[in-house]
């Protein structure tokens, strides 16, 4: 078999040789920094702009939530969805 390269010695193939060949690139830190800053700026503007639109619906949403919670928690005071007869009224 013909080997390519200047040396006829075989290179060891294993974990040690693979880990030695892996070196972090110089641009990885600046690219990550730019990516994180860009994501932060995008998230900031998405939150602030959508929050400005949602504030207009806050009174309507609060009334709906108040109605839902009153419906859920206030039924215990009047006996639920019954007809209101407690059994003390005379029958006809």
PDB file of N, CA and C in Angstrom:
ATOM      1  N   UNK A   1       0.826  -1.182   0.000  1.00  0.00           N
ATOM      2  CA  UNK A   1       0.000   0.000   0.000  1.00  0.00           C
ATOM      3  C   UNK A   1       0.870   1.245   0.000  1.00  0.00           C
ATOM      4  N   UNK A   2       0.380   2.278  -0.630  1.00  0.00           N
ATOM      5  CA  UNK A   2       1.124   3.526  -0.693  1.00  0.00           C
ATOM      6  C   UNK A   2       0.571   4.504   0.334  1.00  0.00           C
ATOM      7  N   UNK A   3       1.448   5.060   1.152  1.00  0.00           N
ATOM      8  CA  UNK A   3       1.035   6.045   2.153  1.00  0.00           C
ATOM      9  C   UNK A   3       1.371   7.439   1.671  1.00  0.00           C
ATOM     10  N   UNK A   4       0.425   8.338   1.869  1.00  0.00           N
ATOM     11  CA  UNK A   4       0.658   9.728   1.497  1.00  0.00           C
ATOM     12  C   UNK A   4       1.304  10.443   2.665  1.00  0.00           C
ATOM     13  N   UNK A   5       2.234  11.295   2.393  1.00  0.00           N
ATOM     14  CA  UNK A   5       2.896  12.060   3.440  1.00  0.00           C
ATOM     15  C   UNK A   5       4.394  11.826   3.395  1.00  0.00           C
ATOM     16  N   UNK A   6       5.133  12.607   4.160  1.00  0.00           N
ATOM     17  CA  UNK A   6       6.583  12.515   4.131  1.00  0.00           C
ATOM     18  C   UNK A   6       7.106  11.453   5.085  1.00  0.00           C
ATOM     19  N   UNK A   7       6.322  11.095   6.085  1.00  0.00           N
ATOM     20  CA  UNK A   7       6.775  10.138   7.080  1.00  0.00           C
ATOM     21  C   UNK A   7       6.119   8.789   6.845  1.00  0.00           C
ATOM     22  N   UNK A   8       6.883   7.710   7.014  1.00  0.00           N
ATOM     23  CA  UNK A   8       6.352   6.365   6.875  1.00  0.00           C
ATOM     24  C   UNK A   8       5.856   5.808   8.200  1.00  0.00           C
ATOM     25  N   UNK A   9       5.970   6.564   9.284  1.00  0.00           N
ATOM     26  CA  UNK A   9       5.514   6.101  10.585  1.00  0.00           C
ATOM     27  C   UNK A   9       4.005   6.274  10.674  1.00  0.00           C
ATOM     28  N   UNK A  10       3.363   5.287  11.257  1.00  0.00           N
ATOM     29  CA  UNK A  10       1.908   5.380  11.377  1.00  0.00           C
ATOM     30  C   UNK A  10       1.535   6.273  12.558  1.00  0.00           C
ATOM     31  N   UNK A  11       0.505   7.051  12.373  1.00  0.00           N
ATOM     32  CA  UNK A  11       0.004   7.949  13.409  1.00  0.00           C
ATOM     33  C   UNK A  11      -0.957   7.168  14.290  1.00  0.00           C
ATOM     34  N   UNK A  12      -0.867   7.288  15.607  1.00  0.00           N
ATOM     35  CA  UNK A  12      -1.824   6.594  16.470  1.00  0.00           C
ATOM     36  C   UNK A  12      -3.204   7.230  16.361  1.00  0.00           C
ATOM     37  N   UNK A  13      -4.197   6.381  16.255  1.00  0.00           N
ATOM     38  CA  UNK A  13      -5.564   6.850  16.161  1.00  0.00           C
ATOM     39  C   UNK A  13      -6.255   6.466  17.458  1.00  0.00           C
ATOM     40  N   UNK A  14      -6.662   7.457  18.216  1.00  0.00           N
ATOM     41  CA  UNK A  14      -7.327   7.212  19.489  1.00  0.00           C
ATOM     42  C   UNK A  14      -7.808   8.522  20.070  1.00  0.00           C
ATOM     43  N   UNK A  15      -8.226   8.481  21.327  1.00  0.00           N
ATOM     44  CA  UNK A  15      -8.745   9.686  21.973  1.00  0.00           C
ATOM     45  C   UNK A  15      -7.674  10.758  22.115  1.00  0.00           C
ATOM     46  N   UNK A  16      -6.480  10.353  22.459  1.00  0.00           N
ATOM     47  CA  UNK A  16      -5.413  11.332  22.669  1.00  0.00           C
ATOM     48  C   UNK A  16      -5.084  12.067  21.382  1.00  0.00           C
ATOM     49  N   UNK A  17      -4.995  11.347  20.265  1.00  0.00           N
ATOM     50  CA  UNK A  17      -4.647  12.017  19.017  1.00  0.00           C
ATOM     51  C   UNK A  17      -5.781  12.907  18.524  1.00  0.00           C
ATOM     52  N   UNK A  18      -7.035  12.514  18.768  1.00  0.00           N
ATOM     53  CA  UNK A  18      -8.154  13.345  18.343  1.00  0.00           C
ATOM     54  C   UNK A  18      -8.264  14.612  19.184  1.00  0.00           C
ATOM     55  N   UNK A  19      -7.994  14.503  20.471  1.00  0.00           N
ATOM     56  CA  UNK A  19      -8.076  15.679  21.333  1.00  0.00           C
ATOM     57  C   UNK A  19      -6.954  16.659  21.046  1.00  0.00           C
ATOM     58  N   UNK A  20      -5.791  16.182  20.640  1.00  0.00           N
ATOM     59  CA  UNK A  20      -4.679  17.074  20.317  1.00  0.00           C
ATOM     60  C   UNK A  20      -4.952  17.866  19.056  1.00  0.00           C
ATOM     61  N   UNK A  21      -5.682  17.293  18.111  1.00  0.00           N
ATOM     62  CA  UNK A  21      -5.952  17.972  16.845  1.00  0.00           C
ATOM     63  C   UNK A  21      -7.037  19.028  16.982  1.00  0.00           C
ATOM     64  N   UNK A  22      -7.878  18.933  17.984  1.00  0.00           N
ATOM     65  CA  UNK A  22      -8.957  19.910  18.164  1.00  0.00           C
ATOM     66  C   UNK A  22      -8.431  21.129  18.915  1.00  0.00           C
ATOM     67  N   UNK A  23      -8.507  22.259  18.251  1.00  0.00           N
ATOM     68  CA  UNK A  23      -8.120  23.511  18.896  1.00  0.00           C
ATOM     69  C   UNK A  23      -9.242  24.508  18.679  1.00  0.00           C
ATOM     70  N   UNK A  24      -9.586  25.258  19.710  1.00  0.00           N
ATOM     71  CA  UNK A  24     -10.650  26.244  19.527  1.00  0.00           C
ATOM     72  C   UNK A  24     -10.221  27.321  18.538  1.00  0.00           C
ATOM     73  N   UNK A  25     -11.163  27.741  17.736  1.00  0.00           N
ATOM     74  CA  UNK A  25     -10.838  28.784  16.758  1.00  0.00           C
ATOM     75  C   UNK A  25     -10.751  30.130  17.461  1.00  0.00           C
ATOM     76  N   UNK A  26      -9.997  31.006  16.873  1.00  0.00           N
ATOM     77  CA  UNK A  26      -9.805  32.332  17.461  1.00  0.00           C
ATOM     78  C   UNK A  26     -11.083  33.149  17.399  1.00  0.00           C
ATOM     79  N   UNK A  27     -11.914  32.910  16.420  1.00  0.00           N
ATOM     80  CA  UNK A  27     -13.099  33.730  16.227  1.00  0.00           C
ATOM     81  C   UNK A  27     -14.302  33.237  17.025  1.00  0.00           C
ATOM     82  N   UNK A  28     -14.155  32.137  17.742  1.00  0.00           N
ATOM     83  CA  UNK A  28     -15.322  31.604  18.418  1.00  0.00           C
ATOM     84  C   UNK A  28     -15.824  32.538  19.522  1.00  0.00           C
ATOM     85  N   UNK A  29     -14.955  33.149  20.285  1.00  0.00           N
ATOM     86  CA  UNK A  29     -15.390  34.052  21.342  1.00  0.00           C
ATOM     87  C   UNK A  29     -16.031  35.331  20.787  1.00  0.00           C
ATOM     88  N   UNK A  30     -15.440  36.017  19.820  1.00  0.00           N
ATOM     89  CA  UNK A  30     -16.123  37.202  19.275  1.00  0.00           C
ATOM     90  C   UNK A  30     -17.452  36.871  18.597  1.00  0.00           C
ATOM     91  N   UNK A  31     -17.519  35.729  17.921  1.00  0.00           N
ATOM     92  CA  UNK A  31     -18.775  35.353  17.263  1.00  0.00           C
ATOM     93  C   UNK A  31     -19.848  35.086  18.303  1.00  0.00           C
ATOM     94  N   UNK A  32     -19.492  34.390  19.383  1.00  0.00           N
ATOM     95  CA  UNK A  32     -20.447  34.137  20.457  1.00  0.00           C
ATOM     96  C   UNK A  32     -20.892  35.437  21.106  1.00  0.00           C
ATOM     97  N   UNK A  33     -19.969  36.344  21.307  1.00  0.00           N
ATOM     98  CA  UNK A  33     -20.299  37.629  21.931  1.00  0.00           C
ATOM     99  C   UNK A  33     -21.275  38.419  21.065  1.00  0.00           C
ATOM    100  N   UNK A  34     -21.012  38.482  19.775  1.00  0.00           N
ATOM    101  CA  UNK A  34     -21.907  39.189  18.854  1.00  0.00           C
ATOM    102  C   UNK A  34     -23.278  38.505  18.816  1.00  0.00           C
ATOM    103  N   UNK A  35     -23.292  37.189  18.823  1.00  0.00           N
ATOM    104  CA  UNK A  35     -24.546  36.449  18.796  1.00  0.00           C
ATOM    105  C   UNK A  35     -25.372  36.727  20.050  1.00  0.00           C
ATOM    106  N   UNK A  36     -24.744  36.665  21.220  1.00  0.00           N
ATOM    107  CA  UNK A  36     -25.474  36.909  22.470  1.00  0.00           C
ATOM    108  C   UNK A  36     -25.980  38.342  22.575  1.00  0.00           C
ATOM    109  N   UNK A  37     -25.185  39.298  22.151  1.00  0.00           N
ATOM    110  CA  UNK A  37     -25.615  40.697  22.195  1.00  0.00           C
ATOM    111  C   UNK A  37     -26.769  40.916  21.223  1.00  0.00           C
ATOM    112  N   UNK A  38     -26.700  40.308  20.039  1.00  0.00           N
ATOM    113  CA  UNK A  38     -27.785  40.446  19.059  1.00  0.00           C
ATOM    114  C   UNK A  38     -29.076  39.834  19.581  1.00  0.00           C
ATOM    115  N   UNK A  39     -28.987  38.663  20.186  1.00  0.00           N
ATOM    116  CA  UNK A  39     -30.178  38.029  20.749  1.00  0.00           C
ATOM    117  C   UNK A  39     -30.759  38.884  21.869  1.00  0.00           C
ATOM    118  N   UNK A  40     -29.903  39.467  22.685  1.00  0.00           N
ATOM    119  CA  UNK A  40     -30.371  40.340  23.758  1.00  0.00           C
ATOM    120  C   UNK A  40     -31.090  41.574  23.233  1.00  0.00           C
ATOM    121  N   UNK A  41     -30.551  42.189  22.196  1.00  0.00           N
ATOM    122  CA  UNK A  41     -31.181  43.382  21.612  1.00  0.00           C
ATOM    123  C   UNK A  41     -32.523  43.018  20.982  1.00  0.00           C
ATOM    124  N   UNK A  42     -32.567  41.914  20.255  1.00  0.00           N
ATOM    125  CA  UNK A  42     -33.818  41.482  19.631  1.00  0.00           C
ATOM    126  C   UNK A  42     -34.870  41.176  20.683  1.00  0.00           C
ATOM    127  N   UNK A  43     -34.482  40.474  21.734  1.00  0.00           N
ATOM    128  CA  UNK A  43     -35.433  40.137  22.804  1.00  0.00           C
ATOM    129  C   UNK A  43     -35.947  41.396  23.495  1.00  0.00           C
ATOM    130  N   UNK A  44     -35.066  42.363  23.729  1.00  0.00           N
ATOM    131  CA  UNK A  44     -35.473  43.612  24.372  1.00  0.00           C
ATOM    132  C   UNK A  44     -36.531  44.329  23.547  1.00  0.00           C
ATOM    133  N   UNK A  45     -36.288  44.488  22.252  1.00  0.00           N
ATOM    134  CA  UNK A  45     -37.247  45.212  21.422  1.00  0.00           C
ATOM    135  C   UNK A  45     -38.547  44.429  21.217  1.00  0.00           C
ATOM    136  N   UNK A  46     -38.469  43.113  21.116  1.00  0.00           N
ATOM    137  CA  UNK A  46     -39.697  42.326  21.008  1.00  0.00           C
ATOM    138  C   UNK A  46     -40.556  42.485  22.257  1.00  0.00           C
ATOM    139  N   UNK A  47     -39.934  42.419  23.416  1.00  0.00           N
ATOM    140  CA  UNK A  47     -40.689  42.533  24.663  1.00  0.00           C
ATOM    141  C   UNK A  47     -41.275  43.926  24.822  1.00  0.00           C
ATOM    142  N   UNK A  48     -40.468  44.965  24.582  1.00  0.00           N
ATOM    143  CA  UNK A  48     -40.965  46.327  24.799  1.00  0.00           C
ATOM    144  C   UNK A  48     -42.049  46.710  23.793  1.00  0.00           C
ATOM    145  N   UNK A  49     -41.889  46.332  22.539  1.00  0.00           N
ATOM    146  CA  UNK A  49     -42.885  46.707  21.538  1.00  0.00           C
ATOM    147  C   UNK A  49     -44.186  45.936  21.724  1.00  0.00           C
ATOM    148  N   UNK A  50     -44.113  44.658  22.041  1.00  0.00           N
ATOM    149  CA  UNK A  50     -45.341  43.903  22.231  1.00  0.00           C
ATOM    150  C   UNK A  50     -46.020  44.268  23.540  1.00  0.00           C
ATOM    151  N   UNK A  51     -45.246  44.636  24.538  1.00  0.00           N
ATOM    152  CA  UNK A  51     -45.826  45.061  25.803  1.00  0.00           C
ATOM    153  C   UNK A  51     -46.609  46.355  25.620  1.00  0.00           C
ATOM    154  N   UNK A  52     -46.122  47.233  24.768  1.00  0.00           N
ATOM    155  CA  UNK A  52     -46.840  48.483  24.498  1.00  0.00           C
ATOM    156  C   UNK A  52     -48.209  48.205  23.877  1.00  0.00           C
ATOM    157  N   UNK A  53     -48.307  47.174  23.051  1.00  0.00           N
ATOM    158  CA  UNK A  53     -49.597  46.843  22.451  1.00  0.00           C
ATOM    159  C   UNK A  53     -50.520  46.150  23.444  1.00  0.00           C
ATOM    160  N   UNK A  54     -49.957  45.347  24.320  1.00  0.00           N
ATOM    161  CA  UNK A  54     -50.773  44.594  25.273  1.00  0.00           C
ATOM    162  C   UNK A  54     -51.306  45.445  26.414  1.00  0.00           C
ATOM    163  N   UNK A  55     -50.642  46.554  26.722  1.00  0.00           N
ATOM    164  CA  UNK A  55     -51.101  47.417  27.809  1.00  0.00           C
ATOM    165  C   UNK A  55     -52.487  47.984  27.493  1.00  0.00           C
ATOM    166  N   UNK A  56     -52.803  48.197  26.242  1.00  0.00           N
ATOM    167  CA  UNK A  56     -54.122  48.689  25.854  1.00  0.00           C
ATOM    168  C   UNK A  56     -55.228  47.690  26.129  1.00  0.00           C
ATOM    169  N   UNK A  57     -54.899  46.406  26.133  1.00  0.00           N
ATOM    170  CA  UNK A  57     -55.894  45.374  26.399  1.00  0.00           C
ATOM    171  C   UNK A  57     -55.975  44.996  27.877  1.00  0.00           C
ATOM    172  N   UNK A  58     -55.153  45.591  28.719  1.00  0.00           N
ATOM    173  CA  UNK A  58     -55.106  45.218  30.127  1.00  0.00           C
ATOM    174  C   UNK A  58     -56.437  45.408  30.843  1.00  0.00           C
ATOM    175  N   UNK A  59     -57.163  46.531  30.653  1.00  0.00           N
ATOM    176  CA  UNK A  59     -58.450  46.662  31.349  1.00  0.00           C
ATOM    177  C   UNK A  59     -59.449  45.567  30.962  1.00  0.00           C
ATOM    178  N   UNK A  60     -59.529  45.219  29.693  1.00  0.00           N
ATOM    179  CA  UNK A  60     -60.436  44.176  29.259  1.00  0.00           C
ATOM    180  C   UNK A  60     -60.023  42.817  29.822  1.00  0.00           C
ATOM    181  N   UNK A  61     -58.716  42.529  29.776  1.00  0.00           N
ATOM    182  CA  UNK A  61     -58.228  41.260  30.308  1.00  0.00           C
ATOM    183  C   UNK A  61     -58.449  41.161  31.807  1.00  0.00           C
ATOM    184  N   UNK A  62     -58.260  42.263  32.521  1.00  0.00           N
ATOM    185  CA  UNK A  62     -58.446  42.216  33.973  1.00  0.00           C
ATOM    186  C   UNK A  62     -59.907  41.964  34.321  1.00  0.00           C
ATOM    187  N   UNK A  63     -60.834  42.554  33.583  1.00  0.00           N
ATOM    188  CA  UNK A  63     -62.261  42.304  33.843  1.00  0.00           C
ATOM    189  C   UNK A  63     -62.590  40.835  33.571  1.00  0.00           C
ATOM    190  N   UNK A  64     -62.054  40.278  32.490  1.00  0.00           N
ATOM    191  CA  UNK A  64     -62.299  38.869  32.182  1.00  0.00           C
ATOM    192  C   UNK A  64     -61.728  37.946  33.260  1.00  0.00           C
ATOM    193  N   UNK A  65     -60.519  38.249  33.740  1.00  0.00           N
ATOM    194  CA  UNK A  65     -59.926  37.421  34.787  1.00  0.00           C
ATOM    195  C   UNK A  65     -60.680  37.551  36.099  1.00  0.00           C
ATOM    196  N   UNK A  66     -61.147  38.743  36.423  1.00  0.00           N
ATOM    197  CA  UNK A  66     -61.932  38.930  37.638  1.00  0.00           C
ATOM    198  C   UNK A  66     -63.225  38.127  37.544  1.00  0.00           C
ATOM    199  N   UNK A  67     -63.877  38.153  36.403  1.00  0.00           N
ATOM    200  CA  UNK A  67     -65.114  37.382  36.230  1.00  0.00           C
ATOM    201  C   UNK A  67     -64.857  35.885  36.358  1.00  0.00           C
ATOM    202  N   UNK A  68     -63.761  35.408  35.772  1.00  0.00           N
ATOM    203  CA  UNK A  68     -63.447  33.979  35.863  1.00  0.00           C
ATOM    204  C   UNK A  68     -63.189  33.559  37.306  1.00  0.00           C
ATOM    205  N   UNK A  69     -62.411  34.348  38.039  1.00  0.00           N
ATOM    206  CA  UNK A  69     -62.103  33.981  39.415  1.00  0.00           C
ATOM    207  C   UNK A  69     -63.326  34.103  40.319  1.00  0.00           C
ATOM    208  N   UNK A  70     -64.166  35.097  40.080  1.00  0.00           N
ATOM    209  CA  UNK A  70     -65.390  35.203  40.867  1.00  0.00           C
ATOM    210  C   UNK A  70     -66.288  34.000  40.591  1.00  0.00           C
ATOM    211  N   UNK A  71     -66.368  33.574  39.367  1.00  0.00           N
ATOM    212  CA  UNK A  71     -67.195  32.428  39.026  1.00  0.00           C
ATOM    213  C   UNK A  71     -66.669  31.157  39.702  1.00  0.00           C
ATOM    214  N   UNK A  72     -65.342  31.003  39.732  1.00  0.00           N
ATOM    215  CA  UNK A  72     -64.758  29.808  40.322  1.00  0.00           C
ATOM    216  C   UNK A  72     -64.874  29.781  41.848  1.00  0.00           C
ATOM    217  N   UNK A  73     -64.633  30.910  42.496  1.00  0.00           N
ATOM    218  CA  UNK A  73     -64.512  30.921  43.947  1.00  0.00           C
ATOM    219  C   UNK A  73     -65.749  31.407  44.689  1.00  0.00           C
ATOM    220  N   UNK A  74     -66.706  32.005  44.034  1.00  0.00           N
ATOM    221  CA  UNK A  74     -67.848  32.573  44.735  1.00  0.00           C
ATOM    222  C   UNK A  74     -69.039  31.631  44.810  1.00  0.00           C
ATOM    223  N   UNK A  75     -69.011  30.489  44.147  1.00  0.00           N
ATOM    224  CA  UNK A  75     -70.154  29.586  44.164  1.00  0.00           C
ATOM    225  C   UNK A  75     -70.360  28.926  45.519  1.00  0.00           C
ATOM    226  N   UNK A  76     -69.361  28.871  46.333  1.00  0.00           N
ATOM    227  CA  UNK A  76     -69.512  28.277  47.645  1.00  0.00           C
ATOM    228  C   UNK A  76     -70.420  29.098  48.547  1.00  0.00           C
ATOM    229  N   UNK A  77     -70.567  30.384  48.286  1.00  0.00           N
ATOM    230  CA  UNK A  77     -71.366  31.259  49.137  1.00  0.00           C
ATOM    231  C   UNK A  77     -72.861  31.108  48.957  1.00  0.00           C
ATOM    232  N   UNK A  78     -73.346  30.718  47.787  1.00  0.00           N
ATOM    233  CA  UNK A  78     -74.784  30.628  47.580  1.00  0.00           C
ATOM    234  C   UNK A  78     -75.250  29.219  47.244  1.00  0.00           C
ATOM    235  N   UNK A  79     -74.421  28.234  47.470  1.00  0.00           N
ATOM    236  CA  UNK A  79     -74.860  26.858  47.315  1.00  0.00           C
ATOM    237  C   UNK A  79     -74.677  26.276  45.937  1.00  0.00           C
ATOM    238  N   UNK A  80     -73.910  26.855  45.111  1.00  0.00           N
ATOM    239  CA  UNK A  80     -73.630  26.289  43.801  1.00  0.00           C
ATOM    240  C   UNK A  80     -74.689  26.650  42.779  1.00  0.00           C
ATOM    241  N   UNK A  81     -74.892  25.765  41.821  1.00  0.00           N
ATOM    242  CA  UNK A  81     -75.817  26.029  40.725  1.00  0.00           C
ATOM    243  C   UNK A  81     -77.218  25.488  41.004  1.00  0.00           C
ATOM    244  N   UNK A  82     -77.563  25.284  42.258  1.00  0.00           N
ATOM    245  CA  UNK A  82     -78.887  24.773  42.603  1.00  0.00           C
ATOM    246  C   UNK A  82     -79.969  25.810  42.381  1.00  0.00           C
ATOM    247  N   UNK A  83     -81.225  25.434  42.651  1.00  0.00           N
ATOM    248  CA  UNK A  83     -82.341  26.348  42.420  1.00  0.00           C
ATOM    249  C   UNK A  83     -82.587  27.269  43.609  1.00  0.00           C
ATOM    250  N   UNK A  84     -81.805  27.161  44.641  1.00  0.00           N
ATOM    251  CA  UNK A  84     -81.953  28.069  45.780  1.00  0.00           C
ATOM    252  C   UNK A  84     -82.857  27.533  46.868  1.00  0.00           C
ATOM    253  N   UNK A  85     -83.593  26.441  46.648  1.00  0.00           N
ATOM    254  CA  UNK A  85     -84.447  25.861  47.682  1.00  0.00           C
ATOM    255  C   UNK A  85     -83.584  25.062  48.658  1.00  0.00           C
ATOM    256  N   UNK A  86     -83.712  25.382  49.926  1.00  0.00           N
ATOM    257  CA  UNK A  86     -82.921  24.667  50.925  1.00  0.00           C
ATOM    258  C   UNK A  86     -83.717  23.544  51.583  1.00  0.00           C
ATOM    259  N   UNK A  87     -84.952  23.313  51.156  1.00  0.00           N
ATOM    260  CA  UNK A  87     -85.772  22.265  51.731  1.00  0.00           C
ATOM    261  C   UNK A  87     -86.674  22.754  52.863  1.00  0.00           C
ATOM    262  N   UNK A  88     -86.599  24.015  53.272  1.00  0.00           N
ATOM    263  CA  UNK A  88     -87.413  24.559  54.354  1.00  0.00           C
ATOM    264  C   UNK A  88     -88.696  25.167  53.873  1.00  0.00           C
ATOM    265  N   UNK A  89     -88.809  25.405  52.571  1.00  0.00           N
ATOM    266  CA  UNK A  89     -90.023  26.047  52.070  1.00  0.00           C
ATOM    267  C   UNK A  89     -91.128  25.009  51.933  1.00  0.00           C
ATOM    268  N   UNK A  90     -92.379  25.410  52.194  1.00  0.00           N
ATOM    269  CA  UNK A  90     -93.511  24.455  52.085  1.00  0.00           C
ATOM    270  C   UNK A  90     -93.734  24.062  50.641  1.00  0.00           C
ATOM    271  N   UNK A  91     -94.036  22.828  50.406  1.00  0.00           N
ATOM    272  CA  UNK A  91     -94.316  22.355  49.053  1.00  0.00           C
ATOM    273  C   UNK A  91     -95.797  22.537  48.751  1.00  0.00           C
ATOM    274  N   UNK A  92     -96.183  22.712  47.538  1.00  0.00           N
ATOM    275  CA  UNK A  92     -97.571  22.981  47.165  1.00  0.00           C
ATOM    276  C   UNK A  92     -98.282  21.781  46.774  1.00  0.00           C
TER     277      UNK A  92
END
